Structures are given as structure tokens and as C-alpha cells.
C-alpha atoms as a PDB file:
ATOM      1  CA  MET A   1      16.991 -68.507   1.205  1.00  0.00           C
ATOM      2  CA  GLY A   2      18.015 -65.871   3.580  1.00  0.00           C
ATOM      3  CA  ARG A   3      18.389 -66.247   7.184  1.00  0.00           C
ATOM      4  CA  SER A   4      14.764 -64.900   7.495  1.00  0.00           C
ATOM      5  CA  GLY A   5      13.156 -66.653   4.706  1.00  0.00           C
ATOM      6  CA  VAL A   6      13.199 -63.985   2.656  1.00  0.00           C
ATOM      7  CA  VAL A   7      14.536 -64.271  -0.966  1.00  0.00           C
ATOM      8  CA  THR A   8      17.734 -62.333  -1.336  1.00  0.00           C
ATOM      9  CA  ILE A   9      19.906 -60.949  -4.486  1.00  0.00           C
ATOM     10  CA  ARG A  10      22.209 -63.665  -3.504  1.00  0.00           C
ATOM     11  CA  ASP A  11      19.848 -66.401  -4.006  1.00  0.00           C
ATOM     12  CA  VAL A  12      18.769 -65.287  -7.305  1.00  0.00           C
ATOM     13  CA  ALA A  13      22.259 -65.235  -8.050  1.00  0.00           C
ATOM     14  CA  ARG A  14      23.132 -68.620  -7.309  1.00  0.00           C
ATOM     15  CA  GLU A  15      19.923 -70.006  -9.131  1.00  0.00           C
ATOM     16  CA  SER A  16      20.710 -67.845 -12.052  1.00  0.00           C
ATOM     17  CA  GLY A  17      24.454 -68.708 -12.161  1.00  0.00           C
ATOM     18  CA  TYR A  18      25.312 -65.010 -12.432  1.00  0.00           C
ATOM     19  CA  SER A  19      27.082 -62.466  -9.377  1.00  0.00           C
ATOM     20  CA  ALA A  20      25.393 -60.765  -7.213  1.00  0.00           C
ATOM     21  CA  SER A  21      26.602 -57.544  -8.674  1.00  0.00           C
ATOM     22  CA  THR A  22      24.575 -58.778 -12.240  1.00  0.00           C
ATOM     23  CA  VAL A  23      21.718 -59.515 -10.617  1.00  0.00           C
ATOM     24  CA  SER A  24      21.622 -56.325  -8.680  1.00  0.00           C
ATOM     25  CA  ILE A  25      21.992 -54.154 -11.787  1.00  0.00           C
ATOM     26  CA  VAL A  26      19.188 -56.070 -13.774  1.00  0.00           C
ATOM     27  CA  LEU A  27      16.570 -56.293 -10.931  1.00  0.00           C
ATOM     28  CA  ASN A  28      17.149 -52.913 -10.114  1.00  0.00           C
ATOM     29  CA  SER A  29      17.110 -51.681 -13.856  1.00  0.00           C
ATOM     30  CA  ALA A  30      20.399 -49.681 -12.962  1.00  0.00           C
ATOM     31  CA  PRO A  31      21.864 -47.545 -16.207  1.00  0.00           C
ATOM     32  CA  LEU A  32      24.080 -50.194 -16.632  1.00  0.00           C
ATOM     33  CA  SER A  33      21.270 -52.633 -17.318  1.00  0.00           C
ATOM     34  CA  ASN A  34      21.234 -51.607 -20.713  1.00  0.00           C
ATOM     35  CA  TYR A  35      24.826 -53.501 -21.471  1.00  0.00           C
ATOM     36  CA  ILE A  36      23.546 -56.670 -20.151  1.00  0.00           C
ATOM     37  CA  HIS A  37      22.417 -59.128 -22.852  1.00  0.00           C
ATOM     38  CA  ALA A  38      18.976 -59.932 -23.298  1.00  0.00           C
ATOM     39  CA  GLU A  39      19.599 -63.654 -22.558  1.00  0.00           C
ATOM     40  CA  THR A  40      21.085 -62.754 -19.102  1.00  0.00           C
ATOM     41  CA  ASN A  41      18.562 -60.190 -18.195  1.00  0.00           C
ATOM     42  CA  ALA A  42      15.826 -62.706 -19.147  1.00  0.00           C
ATOM     43  CA  ARG A  43      17.457 -65.592 -16.961  1.00  0.00           C
ATOM     44  CA  ILE A  44      17.880 -63.648 -14.120  1.00  0.00           C
ATOM     45  CA  GLN A  45      14.276 -62.239 -14.138  1.00  0.00           C
ATOM     46  CA  ALA A  46      12.889 -65.940 -14.960  1.00  0.00           C
ATOM     47  CA  ALA A  47      15.067 -67.354 -11.683  1.00  0.00           C
ATOM     48  CA  ALA A  48      14.012 -63.872  -9.361  1.00  0.00           C
ATOM     49  CA  ARG A  49      10.484 -65.349 -10.388  1.00  0.00           C
ATOM     50  CA  CYS A  50      10.881 -68.706  -9.428  1.00  0.00           C
ATOM     51  CA  LEU A  51      12.122 -68.198  -6.344  1.00  0.00           C
ATOM     52  CA  GLY A  52       9.452 -65.232  -5.611  1.00  0.00           C
ATOM     53  CA  TYR A  53      11.903 -62.398  -5.047  1.00  0.00           C
ATOM     54  CA  ARG A  54      10.046 -59.335  -4.436  1.00  0.00           C
ATOM     55  CA  THR A  55      11.792 -56.085  -4.430  1.00  0.00           C
END
């Protein structure tokens, strides 16, 4: 968790095994997310749910 106890994109990245950039693209539904493999997307979403990440 971040210093304030809030889950950050970096925390989700660490948990999922992907870069913070990829996690950001997926969690923010950026246009580039169309190019992210469905399995990668699912793994990031699962890590975010597990950690309690909130947008």
C-alpha cells in the first residue's frame, strides 16, 4: 500500500506482475486498452479487486 494506506496503481502493478503503465491503461480504460490481451486485463482487474483498488 501507499504511504497513506491507499492502494495505488504501483501496488496493483506489483501484485499483478505488470508495469504501472500497463495497469494504468487497463484500469482507466484508455484507448490503448483495446490492444491489451484479455488475459492480461483479467489478471490486472483481479489484482485490483483483491487489493481493494478504487478509482
